[in-house]
C-alpha atoms as a PDB file:
ATOM      1  CA  MET A   1      -0.212   0.554   0.543  1.00  0.00           C
ATOM      2  CA  LEU A   2       1.344   3.325  -1.022  1.00  0.00           C
ATOM      3  CA  LYS A   3       0.908   6.565   1.428  1.00  0.00           C
ATOM      4  CA  ALA A   4       0.945   9.892  -0.195  1.00  0.00           C
ATOM      5  CA  ILE A   5       2.826  12.685   2.406  1.00  0.00           C
ATOM      6  CA  LYS A   6       2.895  16.427   1.664  1.00  0.00           C
ATOM      7  CA  ILE A   7       6.750  17.723   2.436  1.00  0.00           C
ATOM      8  CA  GLU A   8       8.008  21.754   2.357  1.00  0.00           C
ATOM      9  CA  LEU A   9      10.658  22.066   0.921  1.00  0.00           C
ATOM     10  CA  PRO A  10      12.251  25.679   0.699  1.00  0.00           C
ATOM     11  CA  GLU A  11      12.039  27.347  -3.512  1.00  0.00           C
ATOM     12  CA  GLU A  12      16.407  26.135  -3.737  1.00  0.00           C
ATOM     13  CA  ILE A  13      15.590  23.649  -3.453  1.00  0.00           C
ATOM     14  CA  THR A  14      12.232  22.508  -5.494  1.00  0.00           C
ATOM     15  CA  GLN A  15      13.737  25.012  -8.907  1.00  0.00           C
ATOM     16  CA  LEU A  16      16.657  22.565  -8.760  1.00  0.00           C
ATOM     17  CA  PHE A  17      14.743  19.588 -10.151  1.00  0.00           C
ATOM     18  CA  GLU A  18      11.138  18.623 -12.172  1.00  0.00           C
ATOM     19  CA  GLU A  19       7.711  17.909  -9.610  1.00  0.00           C
ATOM     20  CA  LYS A  20       8.792  14.569 -10.998  1.00  0.00           C
ATOM     21  CA  GLU A  21      12.414  14.134 -11.038  1.00  0.00           C
ATOM     22  CA  LEU A  22      12.171  15.493  -6.847  1.00  0.00           C
ATOM     23  CA  GLU A  23       9.743  13.169  -5.858  1.00  0.00           C
ATOM     24  CA  SER A  24      12.255  10.342  -7.041  1.00  0.00           C
ATOM     25  CA  SER A  25      14.980  11.902  -5.705  1.00  0.00           C
ATOM     26  CA  LEU A  26      13.401  11.894  -2.136  1.00  0.00           C
ATOM     27  CA  LYS A  27      12.367   8.299  -2.290  1.00  0.00           C
ATOM     28  CA  ARG A  28      15.455   7.615  -4.072  1.00  0.00           C
ATOM     29  CA  TRP A  29      16.858   8.969  -0.126  1.00  0.00           C
ATOM     30  CA  ALA A  30      14.669   7.972   2.101  1.00  0.00           C
ATOM     31  CA  VAL A  31      15.075   4.238   0.989  1.00  0.00           C
ATOM     32  CA  LEU A  32      18.865   4.273   1.279  1.00  0.00           C
ATOM     33  CA  GLU A  33      18.681   5.643   4.786  1.00  0.00           C
ATOM     34  CA  LEU A  34      16.500   3.530   6.021  1.00  0.00           C
ATOM     35  CA  VAL A  35      18.530   0.929   4.232  1.00  0.00           C
ATOM     36  CA  LYS A  36      21.744   1.917   5.799  1.00  0.00           C
ATOM     37  CA  GLU A  37      20.134   2.485   9.478  1.00  0.00           C
ATOM     38  CA  GLY A  38      19.378  -1.232   9.803  1.00  0.00           C
ATOM     39  CA  LYS A  39      15.407  -0.560   8.840  1.00  0.00           C
ATOM     40  CA  LEU A  40      15.054  -2.254   5.737  1.00  0.00           C
ATOM     41  CA  SER A  41      16.574  -4.253   3.968  1.00  0.00           C
ATOM     42  CA  SER A  42      18.498  -3.811   0.572  1.00  0.00           C
ATOM     43  CA  GLY A  43      15.997  -6.999  -0.768  1.00  0.00           C
ATOM     44  CA  LYS A  44      12.546  -4.384  -0.139  1.00  0.00           C
ATOM     45  CA  GLY A  45      14.701  -1.407  -0.766  1.00  0.00           C
ATOM     46  CA  ALA A  46      15.643  -3.036  -4.598  1.00  0.00           C
ATOM     47  CA  GLU A  47      11.153  -4.037  -4.484  1.00  0.00           C
ATOM     48  CA  ILE A  48       9.750  -0.376  -3.523  1.00  0.00           C
ATOM     49  CA  LEU A  49      12.219   1.572  -6.384  1.00  0.00           C
ATOM     50  CA  GLY A  50      11.341  -0.882  -8.983  1.00  0.00           C
ATOM     51  CA  MET A  51      14.897  -2.891  -9.462  1.00  0.00           C
ATOM     52  CA  THR A  52      16.491  -6.195  -9.333  1.00  0.00           C
ATOM     53  CA  ARG A  53      19.772  -6.386  -6.171  1.00  0.00           C
ATOM     54  CA  TRP A  54      22.265  -5.945  -8.014  1.00  0.00           C
ATOM     55  CA  GLU A  55      20.932  -2.698  -9.086  1.00  0.00           C
ATOM     56  CA  PHE A  56      19.906  -1.667  -6.055  1.00  0.00           C
ATOM     57  CA  MET A  57      23.067  -2.571  -4.926  1.00  0.00           C
ATOM     58  CA  GLU A  58      25.013  -0.719  -7.206  1.00  0.00           C
ATOM     59  CA  LEU A  59      23.296   2.064  -5.873  1.00  0.00           C
ATOM     60  CA  MET A  60      23.763   1.595  -2.761  1.00  0.00           C
ATOM     61  CA  SER A  61      27.879   1.656  -3.378  1.00  0.00           C
ATOM     62  CA  SER A  62      27.594   4.942  -5.376  1.00  0.00           C
ATOM     63  CA  TYR A  63      26.425   6.669  -2.274  1.00  0.00           C
ATOM     64  CA  ASP A  64      28.515   5.085  -0.257  1.00  0.00           C
ATOM     65  CA  ILE A  65      25.989   2.828   1.087  1.00  0.00           C
ATOM     66  CA  PRO A  66      28.133  -0.444   2.804  1.00  0.00           C
ATOM     67  CA  MET A  67      26.727  -3.970   1.983  1.00  0.00           C
ATOM     68  CA  ALA A  68      27.174  -5.451   4.827  1.00  0.00           C
ATOM     69  CA  ASN A  69      27.761  -3.523   8.119  1.00  0.00           C
ATOM     70  CA  PHE A  70      29.410  -5.078  10.624  1.00  0.00           C
ATOM     71  CA  THR A  71      30.877  -3.995  14.464  1.00  0.00           C
ATOM     72  CA  ARG A  72      35.056  -4.809  14.782  1.00  0.00           C
ATOM     73  CA  GLU A  73      33.676  -7.084  17.835  1.00  0.00           C
ATOM     74  CA  GLU A  74      31.049  -9.392  15.487  1.00  0.00           C
ATOM     75  CA  LEU A  75      33.945  -9.647  11.803  1.00  0.00           C
ATOM     76  CA  ARG A  76      37.065 -10.144  14.581  1.00  0.00           C
ATOM     77  CA  ARG A  77      33.859 -12.820  15.826  1.00  0.00           C
ATOM     78  CA  GLN A  78      33.785 -13.644  12.158  1.00  0.00           C
ATOM     79  CA  VAL A  79      37.199 -13.585  11.899  1.00  0.00           C
ATOM     80  CA  LYS A  80      37.837 -15.975  14.636  1.00  0.00           C
ATOM     81  CA  GLU A  81      34.753 -18.873  12.591  1.00  0.00           C
ATOM     82  CA  LYS A  82      36.105 -19.317   9.897  1.00  0.00           C
ATOM     83  CA  GLU A  83      39.790 -19.139  10.820  1.00  0.00           C
ATOM     84  CA  GLY A  84      38.704 -22.656  13.141  1.00  0.00           C
ATOM     85  CA  LYS A  85      36.490 -24.516  10.413  1.00  0.00           C
END
């Protein structure tokens, strides 16, 4: 289900975009932020934006958003587990 929202932006911003371009840019930004924060999966992000997972991963890469978000401790633990096998 889609839900429309209304936001107010300064004219300096809205002048930089065509209306449809602004809408898609804001949608893309919101989805990328939610994925980056771990509130949305990359698969769901791809689905919302109408992309394949590969296209979405390329988009994430172009915004320097990591595919996986591990803490140093989680990474160390996983390396130790792999070395033990």
